[in-house]
């Protein structure tokens, strides 16, 4: 009949509206009061040493993903081989090429997670042919630069140690003992 029962009607909640806090009567501080000037600031607690431009050049990151950057493949079937970035596919992948004649790496798309950037670059155009890349590698003497780097030397020594037999590891241990005995003897002489 159109009438609603008190039990079925939605109840109105009796909320008391909270009154906002009263506004402050004093004036807000000015910008100059909040931020002190350079003249009034206390000296910096740590001494500031000047940095030369040569130090800045050493600190700046220079290994960028770019066309012509020589990379070391660190995962997959070509692990441990060098290649060159030929083109950038997207933010996760790039196109690399060996050249196949020199490094054994064929042209392929590879994710950045599977490569490590080196300091070596070659001057090539984007999507360079294998012949052009091979010429740039020989002119840039890339393989010799890589072999002379501490990174390559460390990898080769790691590989050599991994290929040692049990007797080889024993000989290394004996040689280390002899060396440390000689060093300890010399240090003892110098202290006395």
N, C-alpha and C. Protein backbone atom coordinates (compact mmCIF):
# COMPACT_ATOMS: atom_id res chain seq x y z
N UNK A 1 0.80 -1.20 0.00
CA UNK A 1 0.00 0.00 0.00
C UNK A 1 0.84 1.26 0.00
N UNK A 2 2.15 1.12 -0.27
CA UNK A 2 3.01 2.29 -0.45
C UNK A 2 3.70 2.75 0.80
N UNK A 3 3.22 2.29 1.97
CA UNK A 3 3.87 2.73 3.20
C UNK A 3 5.02 1.79 3.51
N UNK A 4 6.05 2.35 4.11
CA UNK A 4 7.19 1.51 4.50
C UNK A 4 7.17 1.33 6.00
N UNK A 5 7.56 0.16 6.38
CA UNK A 5 7.64 -0.16 7.80
C UNK A 5 8.90 0.45 8.38
N UNK A 6 8.89 0.83 9.65
CA UNK A 6 10.08 1.43 10.28
C UNK A 6 11.26 0.47 10.30
N UNK A 7 10.95 -0.82 10.38
CA UNK A 7 12.04 -1.79 10.44
C UNK A 7 12.73 -1.99 9.09
N UNK A 8 12.04 -1.80 7.99
CA UNK A 8 12.62 -2.00 6.67
C UNK A 8 13.21 -0.72 6.08
N UNK A 9 12.85 0.42 6.59
CA UNK A 9 13.36 1.69 6.06
C UNK A 9 14.84 1.85 6.42
N UNK A 10 15.63 2.38 5.52
CA UNK A 10 17.05 2.59 5.84
C UNK A 10 17.20 3.60 6.95
N UNK A 11 18.06 3.30 7.89
CA UNK A 11 18.26 4.18 9.04
C UNK A 11 19.18 5.32 8.67
N UNK A 12 18.84 6.46 9.18
CA UNK A 12 19.72 7.62 9.01
C UNK A 12 20.69 7.64 10.17
N UNK A 13 21.94 7.70 9.84
CA UNK A 13 22.96 7.73 10.88
C UNK A 13 23.12 9.15 11.37
N UNK A 14 23.19 9.28 12.67
CA UNK A 14 23.30 10.59 13.28
C UNK A 14 24.78 10.91 13.49
N UNK A 15 25.39 11.52 12.48
CA UNK A 15 26.80 11.89 12.58
C UNK A 15 26.91 13.32 13.06
N UNK A 16 27.84 13.55 13.97
CA UNK A 16 28.14 14.92 14.37
C UNK A 16 29.31 15.38 13.53
N UNK A 17 29.15 16.45 12.89
CA UNK A 17 30.23 16.96 12.06
C UNK A 17 31.28 17.57 12.95
N UNK A 18 32.53 17.11 12.71
CA UNK A 18 33.64 17.65 13.50
C UNK A 18 33.96 19.03 12.98
N UNK A 19 34.12 19.94 13.88
CA UNK A 19 34.47 21.30 13.48
C UNK A 19 35.97 21.36 13.23
N UNK A 20 36.38 22.05 12.19
CA UNK A 20 37.81 22.14 11.92
C UNK A 20 38.51 22.94 13.01
N UNK A 21 39.80 22.67 13.22
CA UNK A 21 40.51 23.41 14.26
C UNK A 21 40.58 24.89 13.90
N UNK A 22 40.63 25.74 14.88
CA UNK A 22 40.67 27.18 14.59
C UNK A 22 41.97 27.55 13.88
N UNK A 23 41.88 28.51 13.00
CA UNK A 23 43.05 28.97 12.26
C UNK A 23 43.97 29.74 13.20
N UNK A 24 45.30 29.64 12.97
CA UNK A 24 46.23 30.38 13.83
C UNK A 24 46.07 31.88 13.62
N UNK A 25 46.22 32.59 14.72
CA UNK A 25 46.04 34.04 14.65
C UNK A 25 47.32 34.75 14.22
N UNK A 26 48.50 34.08 14.42
CA UNK A 26 49.74 34.75 14.02
C UNK A 26 49.97 34.58 12.52
N UNK A 27 50.80 35.41 11.96
CA UNK A 27 51.09 35.37 10.52
C UNK A 27 52.05 34.21 10.23
N UNK A 28 51.91 33.62 9.03
CA UNK A 28 52.78 32.52 8.62
C UNK A 28 54.20 33.05 8.40
N UNK A 29 55.24 32.23 8.69
CA UNK A 29 56.61 32.72 8.50
C UNK A 29 56.91 32.91 7.01
N UNK A 30 57.73 33.87 6.73
CA UNK A 30 58.06 34.15 5.35
C UNK A 30 59.10 33.14 4.85
N UNK A 31 59.31 33.13 3.54
CA UNK A 31 60.27 32.21 2.91
C UNK A 31 61.68 32.44 3.45
N UNK A 32 62.01 33.69 3.68
CA UNK A 32 63.36 34.02 4.15
C UNK A 32 63.61 33.50 5.56
N UNK A 33 62.54 33.41 6.37
CA UNK A 33 62.70 32.87 7.72
C UNK A 33 62.89 31.36 7.69
N UNK A 34 62.27 30.68 6.74
CA UNK A 34 62.36 29.22 6.65
C UNK A 34 63.71 28.80 6.07
N UNK A 35 64.11 29.40 4.95
CA UNK A 35 65.35 29.03 4.26
C UNK A 35 66.41 30.09 4.54
N UNK A 36 67.43 29.76 5.33
CA UNK A 36 68.47 30.75 5.58
C UNK A 36 69.32 30.98 4.34
N UNK A 37 69.89 32.15 4.26
CA UNK A 37 70.71 32.46 3.09
C UNK A 37 72.05 31.75 3.20
N UNK A 38 72.81 31.74 2.11
CA UNK A 38 74.10 31.05 2.07
C UNK A 38 75.09 31.69 3.04
N UNK A 39 74.93 33.00 3.29
CA UNK A 39 75.87 33.68 4.19
C UNK A 39 75.66 33.27 5.64
N UNK A 40 74.40 33.00 6.01
CA UNK A 40 74.12 32.67 7.40
C UNK A 40 74.23 31.18 7.70
N UNK A 41 74.34 30.34 6.64
CA UNK A 41 74.43 28.90 6.87
C UNK A 41 75.75 28.53 7.51
N UNK A 42 75.70 27.49 8.34
CA UNK A 42 76.93 26.99 8.98
C UNK A 42 77.78 26.27 7.94
N UNK A 43 79.10 26.23 8.15
CA UNK A 43 79.94 25.53 7.19
C UNK A 43 79.62 24.04 7.16
N UNK A 44 79.89 23.41 6.01
CA UNK A 44 79.60 21.98 5.83
C UNK A 44 80.45 21.17 6.80
N UNK A 45 79.86 20.16 7.49
CA UNK A 45 80.62 19.41 8.50
C UNK A 45 81.79 18.63 7.92
N UNK A 46 81.69 18.18 6.66
CA UNK A 46 82.78 17.43 6.05
C UNK A 46 83.59 18.34 5.13
N UNK A 47 84.90 18.20 5.12
CA UNK A 47 85.69 19.05 4.22
C UNK A 47 85.45 18.65 2.77
N UNK A 48 85.27 19.63 1.92
CA UNK A 48 85.02 19.39 0.50
C UNK A 48 86.34 19.49 -0.23
N UNK A 49 86.73 18.38 -0.88
CA UNK A 49 87.98 18.38 -1.64
C UNK A 49 87.68 18.61 -3.10
N UNK A 50 88.45 19.45 -3.75
CA UNK A 50 88.19 19.69 -5.18
C UNK A 50 88.52 18.44 -6.00
N UNK A 51 87.72 18.18 -7.04
CA UNK A 51 87.91 17.03 -7.90
C UNK A 51 88.41 17.52 -9.24
N UNK A 52 89.51 16.93 -9.72
CA UNK A 52 90.06 17.35 -11.00
C UNK A 52 89.23 16.77 -12.14
N UNK A 53 89.40 17.32 -13.35
CA UNK A 53 88.64 16.85 -14.50
C UNK A 53 89.06 15.45 -14.90
N UNK A 54 90.32 15.08 -14.66
CA UNK A 54 90.74 13.72 -15.00
C UNK A 54 90.06 12.71 -14.09
N UNK A 55 89.87 13.06 -12.82
CA UNK A 55 89.16 12.16 -11.92
C UNK A 55 87.70 12.02 -12.34
N UNK A 56 87.09 13.13 -12.77
CA UNK A 56 85.71 13.07 -13.21
C UNK A 56 85.57 12.20 -14.45
N UNK A 57 86.54 12.28 -15.37
CA UNK A 57 86.49 11.46 -16.57
C UNK A 57 86.59 9.99 -16.22
N UNK A 58 87.36 9.66 -15.18
CA UNK A 58 87.49 8.26 -14.78
C UNK A 58 86.20 7.76 -14.13
N UNK A 59 85.49 8.64 -13.44
CA UNK A 59 84.31 8.23 -12.69
C UNK A 59 83.07 8.10 -13.59
N UNK A 60 83.04 8.75 -14.72
CA UNK A 60 81.86 8.77 -15.57
C UNK A 60 81.68 7.41 -16.25
N UNK A 61 80.45 6.93 -16.29
CA UNK A 61 80.14 5.66 -16.94
C UNK A 61 80.26 5.82 -18.44
N UNK A 62 80.99 4.92 -19.09
CA UNK A 62 81.20 5.06 -20.53
C UNK A 62 80.79 3.84 -21.34
N UNK A 63 80.41 2.76 -20.71
CA UNK A 63 80.03 1.55 -21.46
C UNK A 63 78.54 1.61 -21.79
N UNK A 64 78.23 2.12 -22.96
CA UNK A 64 76.84 2.23 -23.38
C UNK A 64 76.52 1.15 -24.40
N UNK A 65 75.26 0.76 -24.47
CA UNK A 65 74.80 -0.14 -25.52
C UNK A 65 74.70 0.71 -26.77
N UNK A 66 75.60 0.46 -27.71
CA UNK A 66 75.65 1.26 -28.93
C UNK A 66 76.14 0.40 -30.08
N UNK A 67 75.86 0.85 -31.29
CA UNK A 67 76.33 0.13 -32.47
C UNK A 67 77.85 0.22 -32.51
N UNK A 68 78.50 -0.94 -32.62
CA UNK A 68 79.95 -1.00 -32.65
C UNK A 68 80.58 -1.39 -31.33
N UNK A 69 79.79 -1.52 -30.28
CA UNK A 69 80.31 -1.93 -28.97
C UNK A 69 80.62 -3.42 -28.99
N UNK A 70 81.82 -3.79 -28.59
CA UNK A 70 82.21 -5.19 -28.51
C UNK A 70 81.70 -5.74 -27.18
N UNK A 71 81.06 -6.91 -27.23
CA UNK A 71 80.46 -7.51 -26.04
C UNK A 71 81.00 -8.92 -25.83
N UNK A 72 80.94 -9.36 -24.59
CA UNK A 72 81.29 -10.73 -24.24
C UNK A 72 80.01 -11.47 -23.94
N UNK A 73 79.78 -12.59 -24.60
CA UNK A 73 78.57 -13.37 -24.36
C UNK A 73 78.80 -14.18 -23.09
N UNK A 74 77.92 -14.01 -22.10
CA UNK A 74 78.13 -14.67 -20.82
C UNK A 74 77.14 -15.79 -20.52
N UNK A 75 76.30 -16.15 -21.49
CA UNK A 75 75.35 -17.23 -21.28
C UNK A 75 74.92 -17.79 -22.63
N UNK A 76 74.69 -19.09 -22.68
CA UNK A 76 74.20 -19.71 -23.91
C UNK A 76 75.28 -20.52 -24.60
N UNK A 77 74.98 -20.99 -25.81
CA UNK A 77 75.94 -21.84 -26.52
C UNK A 77 77.24 -21.12 -26.90
N UNK A 78 77.20 -19.81 -27.08
CA UNK A 78 78.41 -19.05 -27.44
C UNK A 78 79.07 -18.40 -26.23
N UNK A 79 78.85 -18.94 -25.04
CA UNK A 79 79.39 -18.35 -23.81
C UNK A 79 80.91 -18.22 -23.89
N UNK A 80 81.41 -17.03 -23.52
CA UNK A 80 82.84 -16.77 -23.52
C UNK A 80 83.39 -16.22 -24.82
N UNK A 81 82.53 -16.04 -25.83
CA UNK A 81 82.99 -15.52 -27.12
C UNK A 81 82.69 -14.03 -27.23
N UNK A 82 83.47 -13.35 -28.06
CA UNK A 82 83.26 -11.92 -28.31
C UNK A 82 82.34 -11.73 -29.51
N UNK A 83 81.61 -10.64 -29.51
CA UNK A 83 80.75 -10.27 -30.63
C UNK A 83 80.63 -8.75 -30.65
N UNK A 84 80.00 -8.23 -31.69
CA UNK A 84 79.81 -6.78 -31.84
C UNK A 84 78.34 -6.47 -31.99
N UNK A 85 77.88 -5.42 -31.34
CA UNK A 85 76.49 -4.98 -31.50
C UNK A 85 76.35 -4.32 -32.87
N UNK A 86 75.44 -4.85 -33.66
CA UNK A 86 75.21 -4.35 -35.02
C UNK A 86 74.00 -3.42 -35.07
N UNK A 87 72.97 -3.75 -34.29
CA UNK A 87 71.76 -2.95 -34.26
C UNK A 87 71.05 -3.16 -32.92
N UNK A 88 70.26 -2.19 -32.52
CA UNK A 88 69.50 -2.28 -31.28
C UNK A 88 68.05 -2.57 -31.66
N UNK A 89 67.53 -3.70 -31.18
CA UNK A 89 66.17 -4.11 -31.53
C UNK A 89 65.17 -3.35 -30.67
N UNK A 90 65.29 -3.48 -29.34
CA UNK A 90 64.44 -2.74 -28.41
C UNK A 90 65.18 -2.60 -27.09
N UNK A 91 64.45 -2.30 -26.02
CA UNK A 91 65.12 -2.05 -24.74
C UNK A 91 65.63 -3.32 -24.09
N UNK A 92 65.30 -4.49 -24.64
CA UNK A 92 65.73 -5.75 -24.06
C UNK A 92 66.65 -6.58 -24.94
N UNK A 93 66.70 -6.29 -26.24
CA UNK A 93 67.45 -7.13 -27.17
C UNK A 93 68.25 -6.30 -28.16
N UNK A 94 69.33 -6.92 -28.67
CA UNK A 94 70.11 -6.28 -29.73
C UNK A 94 70.54 -7.33 -30.74
N UNK A 95 70.95 -6.88 -31.91
CA UNK A 95 71.46 -7.75 -32.96
C UNK A 95 72.97 -7.74 -32.88
N UNK A 96 73.59 -8.94 -32.78
CA UNK A 96 75.04 -9.03 -32.70
C UNK A 96 75.58 -9.87 -33.84
N UNK A 97 76.84 -9.65 -34.14
CA UNK A 97 77.56 -10.45 -35.13
C UNK A 97 78.99 -10.55 -34.65
N UNK A 98 79.64 -11.67 -34.96
CA UNK A 98 80.99 -11.97 -34.45
C UNK A 98 82.06 -10.97 -34.79
N UNK A 99 82.56 -10.89 -35.91
CA UNK A 99 82.30 -11.59 -37.15
C UNK A 99 82.57 -13.09 -37.02
N UNK A 100 81.77 -13.88 -37.74
CA UNK A 100 81.80 -15.33 -37.60
C UNK A 100 83.17 -15.92 -37.94
N UNK A 101 83.89 -15.32 -38.90
CA UNK A 101 85.21 -15.84 -39.29
C UNK A 101 86.23 -15.72 -38.16
N UNK A 102 86.12 -14.65 -37.37
CA UNK A 102 87.12 -14.40 -36.32
C UNK A 102 86.71 -14.95 -34.95
N UNK A 103 85.42 -14.84 -34.60
CA UNK A 103 85.00 -15.23 -33.25
C UNK A 103 84.11 -16.47 -33.22
N UNK A 104 83.50 -16.81 -34.34
CA UNK A 104 82.63 -17.98 -34.37
C UNK A 104 81.19 -17.67 -33.99
N UNK A 105 80.85 -16.39 -33.80
CA UNK A 105 79.48 -16.01 -33.45
C UNK A 105 78.78 -15.53 -34.71
N UNK A 106 77.66 -16.20 -35.06
CA UNK A 106 76.90 -15.79 -36.23
C UNK A 106 75.94 -14.67 -35.85
N UNK A 107 75.43 -13.98 -36.87
CA UNK A 107 74.50 -12.87 -36.63
C UNK A 107 73.22 -13.39 -35.99
N UNK A 108 72.83 -12.76 -34.87
CA UNK A 108 71.66 -13.22 -34.13
C UNK A 108 71.16 -12.13 -33.21
N UNK A 109 69.90 -12.26 -32.79
CA UNK A 109 69.31 -11.36 -31.80
C UNK A 109 69.54 -12.00 -30.43
N UNK A 110 70.01 -11.19 -29.50
CA UNK A 110 70.34 -11.72 -28.17
C UNK A 110 69.87 -10.72 -27.10
N UNK A 111 69.34 -11.21 -25.98
CA UNK A 111 68.93 -10.28 -24.91
C UNK A 111 70.14 -9.70 -24.19
N UNK A 112 69.97 -8.50 -23.63
CA UNK A 112 71.07 -7.82 -22.94
C UNK A 112 71.55 -8.61 -21.72
N UNK A 113 70.66 -9.42 -21.14
CA UNK A 113 71.04 -10.19 -19.95
C UNK A 113 72.13 -11.21 -20.28
N UNK A 114 72.24 -11.60 -21.54
CA UNK A 114 73.21 -12.62 -21.93
C UNK A 114 74.53 -12.05 -22.41
N UNK A 115 74.70 -10.74 -22.36
CA UNK A 115 75.96 -10.14 -22.82
C UNK A 115 76.52 -9.21 -21.75
N UNK A 116 77.83 -9.02 -21.81
CA UNK A 116 78.50 -8.06 -20.93
C UNK A 116 79.24 -7.08 -21.82
N UNK A 117 79.04 -5.79 -21.59
CA UNK A 117 79.67 -4.75 -22.41
C UNK A 117 81.14 -4.61 -22.05
N UNK A 118 82.00 -4.49 -23.06
CA UNK A 118 83.42 -4.24 -22.82
C UNK A 118 83.72 -2.78 -23.11
N UNK A 119 84.96 -2.37 -22.86
CA UNK A 119 85.37 -0.99 -23.14
C UNK A 119 85.71 -0.78 -24.62
N UNK A 120 85.76 -1.84 -25.40
CA UNK A 120 86.23 -1.77 -26.79
C UNK A 120 85.07 -1.46 -27.72
N UNK A 121 85.31 -0.55 -28.66
CA UNK A 121 84.33 -0.25 -29.70
C UNK A 121 85.01 -0.25 -31.06
N UNK A 122 84.22 -0.51 -32.10
CA UNK A 122 84.72 -0.42 -33.47
C UNK A 122 83.83 0.56 -34.23
N UNK A 123 84.41 1.23 -35.21
CA UNK A 123 83.65 2.21 -35.99
C UNK A 123 82.97 1.49 -37.15
N UNK A 124 81.66 1.26 -36.99
CA UNK A 124 80.87 0.65 -38.06
C UNK A 124 79.53 1.36 -38.14
N UNK A 125 78.88 1.21 -39.31
CA UNK A 125 77.54 1.77 -39.49
C UNK A 125 76.52 0.76 -38.97
N UNK A 126 75.32 1.21 -38.77
CA UNK A 126 74.25 0.34 -38.30
C UNK A 126 73.97 -0.74 -39.35
N UNK A 127 73.76 -1.98 -38.91
CA UNK A 127 73.50 -3.12 -39.79
C UNK A 127 74.63 -3.34 -40.80
N UNK A 128 75.86 -3.19 -40.36
CA UNK A 128 77.01 -3.36 -41.24
C UNK A 128 77.11 -4.80 -41.73
N UNK A 129 77.66 -4.97 -42.94
CA UNK A 129 77.83 -6.31 -43.49
C UNK A 129 78.97 -7.01 -42.76
N UNK A 130 79.01 -8.33 -42.88
CA UNK A 130 80.05 -9.13 -42.21
C UNK A 130 81.44 -8.74 -42.69
N UNK A 131 81.56 -8.45 -43.98
CA UNK A 131 82.85 -8.06 -44.56
C UNK A 131 83.34 -6.74 -43.96
N UNK A 132 82.44 -5.77 -43.84
CA UNK A 132 82.78 -4.47 -43.26
C UNK A 132 83.17 -4.62 -41.80
N UNK A 133 82.43 -5.45 -41.07
CA UNK A 133 82.70 -5.68 -39.65
C UNK A 133 84.07 -6.34 -39.46
N UNK A 134 84.37 -7.32 -40.31
CA UNK A 134 85.66 -8.02 -40.21
C UNK A 134 86.81 -7.05 -40.46
N UNK A 135 86.63 -6.15 -41.44
CA UNK A 135 87.65 -5.16 -41.75
C UNK A 135 87.86 -4.21 -40.57
N UNK A 136 86.76 -3.78 -39.94
CA UNK A 136 86.84 -2.87 -38.80
C UNK A 136 87.52 -3.56 -37.62
N UNK A 137 87.26 -4.86 -37.43
CA UNK A 137 87.89 -5.62 -36.35
C UNK A 137 89.39 -5.72 -36.55
N UNK A 138 89.82 -6.01 -37.79
CA UNK A 138 91.26 -6.15 -38.04
C UNK A 138 91.96 -4.80 -37.95
N UNK A 139 91.31 -3.72 -38.43
CA UNK A 139 91.91 -2.39 -38.33
C UNK A 139 91.99 -1.92 -36.88
N UNK A 140 90.96 -2.22 -36.10
CA UNK A 140 90.93 -1.81 -34.70
C UNK A 140 91.75 -2.70 -33.79
N UNK A 141 92.24 -3.83 -34.32
CA UNK A 141 93.04 -4.78 -33.53
C UNK A 141 92.31 -5.17 -32.25
N UNK A 142 91.04 -5.53 -32.42
CA UNK A 142 90.15 -5.80 -31.28
C UNK A 142 90.61 -7.00 -30.48
N UNK A 143 90.97 -8.09 -31.16
CA UNK A 143 91.34 -9.31 -30.46
C UNK A 143 92.58 -9.09 -29.58
N UNK A 144 93.55 -8.34 -30.08
CA UNK A 144 94.76 -8.05 -29.29
C UNK A 144 94.42 -7.18 -28.08
N UNK A 145 93.54 -6.20 -28.28
CA UNK A 145 93.12 -5.35 -27.16
C UNK A 145 92.43 -6.18 -26.09
N UNK A 146 91.57 -7.11 -26.53
CA UNK A 146 90.85 -7.95 -25.58
C UNK A 146 91.82 -8.88 -24.84
N UNK A 147 92.73 -9.50 -25.59
CA UNK A 147 93.69 -10.42 -24.95
C UNK A 147 94.59 -9.70 -23.96
N UNK A 148 94.84 -8.40 -24.17
CA UNK A 148 95.67 -7.62 -23.27
C UNK A 148 94.94 -7.10 -22.04
N UNK A 149 93.62 -7.21 -22.03
CA UNK A 149 92.85 -6.68 -20.90
C UNK A 149 92.92 -7.62 -19.70
N UNK A 150 92.79 -7.04 -18.51
CA UNK A 150 92.83 -7.84 -17.28
C UNK A 150 91.63 -8.78 -17.19
N UNK A 151 90.51 -8.39 -17.77
CA UNK A 151 89.30 -9.20 -17.78
C UNK A 151 89.56 -10.51 -18.52
N UNK A 152 90.19 -10.42 -19.72
CA UNK A 152 90.47 -11.62 -20.52
C UNK A 152 91.50 -12.50 -19.82
N UNK A 153 92.51 -11.86 -19.21
CA UNK A 153 93.53 -12.64 -18.50
C UNK A 153 92.92 -13.41 -17.33
N UNK A 154 92.01 -12.76 -16.62
CA UNK A 154 91.35 -13.41 -15.48
C UNK A 154 90.51 -14.59 -15.95
N UNK A 155 89.79 -14.42 -17.08
CA UNK A 155 88.97 -15.50 -17.62
C UNK A 155 89.82 -16.69 -18.06
N UNK A 156 90.98 -16.39 -18.69
CA UNK A 156 91.83 -17.49 -19.16
C UNK A 156 92.45 -18.24 -17.99
N UNK A 157 92.85 -17.54 -16.94
CA UNK A 157 93.41 -18.22 -15.77
C UNK A 157 92.34 -19.06 -15.07
N UNK A 158 91.11 -18.56 -15.05
CA UNK A 158 89.99 -19.30 -14.47
C UNK A 158 89.75 -20.59 -15.25
N UNK A 159 89.82 -20.47 -16.58
CA UNK A 159 89.60 -21.62 -17.45
C UNK A 159 90.71 -22.65 -17.26
N UNK A 160 91.96 -22.15 -17.13
CA UNK A 160 93.10 -23.04 -16.94
C UNK A 160 92.98 -23.79 -15.61
N UNK A 161 92.58 -23.09 -14.56
CA UNK A 161 92.42 -23.73 -13.25
C UNK A 161 91.31 -24.77 -13.27
N UNK A 162 90.24 -24.48 -13.98
CA UNK A 162 89.11 -25.42 -14.06
C UNK A 162 89.50 -26.70 -14.79
N UNK A 163 90.45 -26.60 -15.73
CA UNK A 163 90.85 -27.78 -16.50
C UNK A 163 91.95 -28.59 -15.83
N UNK A 164 92.44 -28.16 -14.66
CA UNK A 164 93.50 -28.91 -13.97
C UNK A 164 92.99 -30.24 -13.44
N UNK A 165 93.90 -31.21 -13.42
CA UNK A 165 93.58 -32.50 -12.82
C UNK A 165 93.82 -32.41 -11.31
N UNK A 166 93.56 -33.50 -10.61
CA UNK A 166 93.77 -33.53 -9.17
C UNK A 166 95.25 -33.30 -8.85
N UNK A 167 96.13 -33.95 -9.62
CA UNK A 167 97.57 -33.80 -9.40
C UNK A 167 98.02 -32.37 -9.71
N UNK A 168 97.42 -31.76 -10.71
CA UNK A 168 97.74 -30.36 -11.04
C UNK A 168 97.37 -29.42 -9.90
N UNK A 169 96.18 -29.63 -9.30
CA UNK A 169 95.75 -28.81 -8.16
C UNK A 169 96.68 -29.02 -6.97
N UNK A 170 97.17 -30.28 -6.80
CA UNK A 170 98.11 -30.58 -5.72
C UNK A 170 99.42 -29.80 -5.93
N UNK A 171 99.91 -29.77 -7.17
CA UNK A 171 101.17 -29.05 -7.46
C UNK A 171 101.01 -27.55 -7.20
N UNK A 172 99.84 -27.00 -7.53
CA UNK A 172 99.56 -25.58 -7.27
C UNK A 172 99.58 -25.32 -5.77
N UNK A 173 98.98 -26.22 -4.99
CA UNK A 173 98.94 -26.07 -3.55
C UNK A 173 100.35 -26.08 -2.96
N UNK A 174 101.20 -27.01 -3.43
CA UNK A 174 102.57 -27.11 -2.94
C UNK A 174 103.36 -25.85 -3.30
N UNK A 175 103.16 -25.35 -4.53
CA UNK A 175 103.86 -24.13 -4.96
C UNK A 175 103.43 -22.93 -4.12
N UNK A 176 102.13 -22.83 -3.79
CA UNK A 176 101.64 -21.73 -2.94
C UNK A 176 102.27 -21.80 -1.56
N UNK A 177 102.40 -23.02 -1.02
CA UNK A 177 103.02 -23.19 0.30
C UNK A 177 104.47 -22.73 0.28
N UNK A 178 105.21 -23.10 -0.77
CA UNK A 178 106.62 -22.71 -0.90
C UNK A 178 106.74 -21.19 -0.98
N UNK A 179 105.87 -20.59 -1.81
CA UNK A 179 105.90 -19.14 -1.98
C UNK A 179 105.61 -18.43 -0.66
N UNK A 180 104.57 -18.87 0.06
CA UNK A 180 104.23 -18.21 1.31
C UNK A 180 105.32 -18.40 2.36
N UNK A 181 106.04 -19.53 2.32
CA UNK A 181 107.15 -19.75 3.25
C UNK A 181 108.29 -18.79 2.96
N UNK A 182 108.59 -18.58 1.68
CA UNK A 182 109.65 -17.64 1.28
C UNK A 182 109.28 -16.22 1.70
N UNK A 183 108.03 -15.82 1.45
CA UNK A 183 107.57 -14.47 1.80
C UNK A 183 107.64 -14.26 3.31
N UNK A 184 107.19 -15.27 4.07
CA UNK A 184 107.22 -15.16 5.53
C UNK A 184 108.64 -15.04 6.06
N UNK A 185 109.57 -15.77 5.43
CA UNK A 185 110.98 -15.73 5.84
C UNK A 185 111.56 -14.34 5.60
N UNK A 186 111.27 -13.76 4.43
CA UNK A 186 111.78 -12.41 4.09
C UNK A 186 111.21 -11.36 5.04
N UNK A 187 109.94 -11.46 5.36
CA UNK A 187 109.30 -10.50 6.26
C UNK A 187 109.93 -10.60 7.65
N UNK A 188 110.21 -11.81 8.07
CA UNK A 188 110.83 -12.02 9.37
C UNK A 188 112.24 -11.40 9.42
N UNK A 189 112.97 -11.53 8.28
CA UNK A 189 114.32 -10.92 8.19
C UNK A 189 114.23 -9.41 8.25
N UNK A 190 113.23 -8.83 7.56
CA UNK A 190 113.08 -7.38 7.54
C UNK A 190 112.69 -6.83 8.90
N UNK A 191 111.88 -7.56 9.65
CA UNK A 191 111.46 -7.11 10.97
C UNK A 191 112.61 -7.18 11.98
N UNK A 192 113.51 -8.16 11.79
CA UNK A 192 114.63 -8.33 12.74
C UNK A 192 115.74 -7.32 12.54
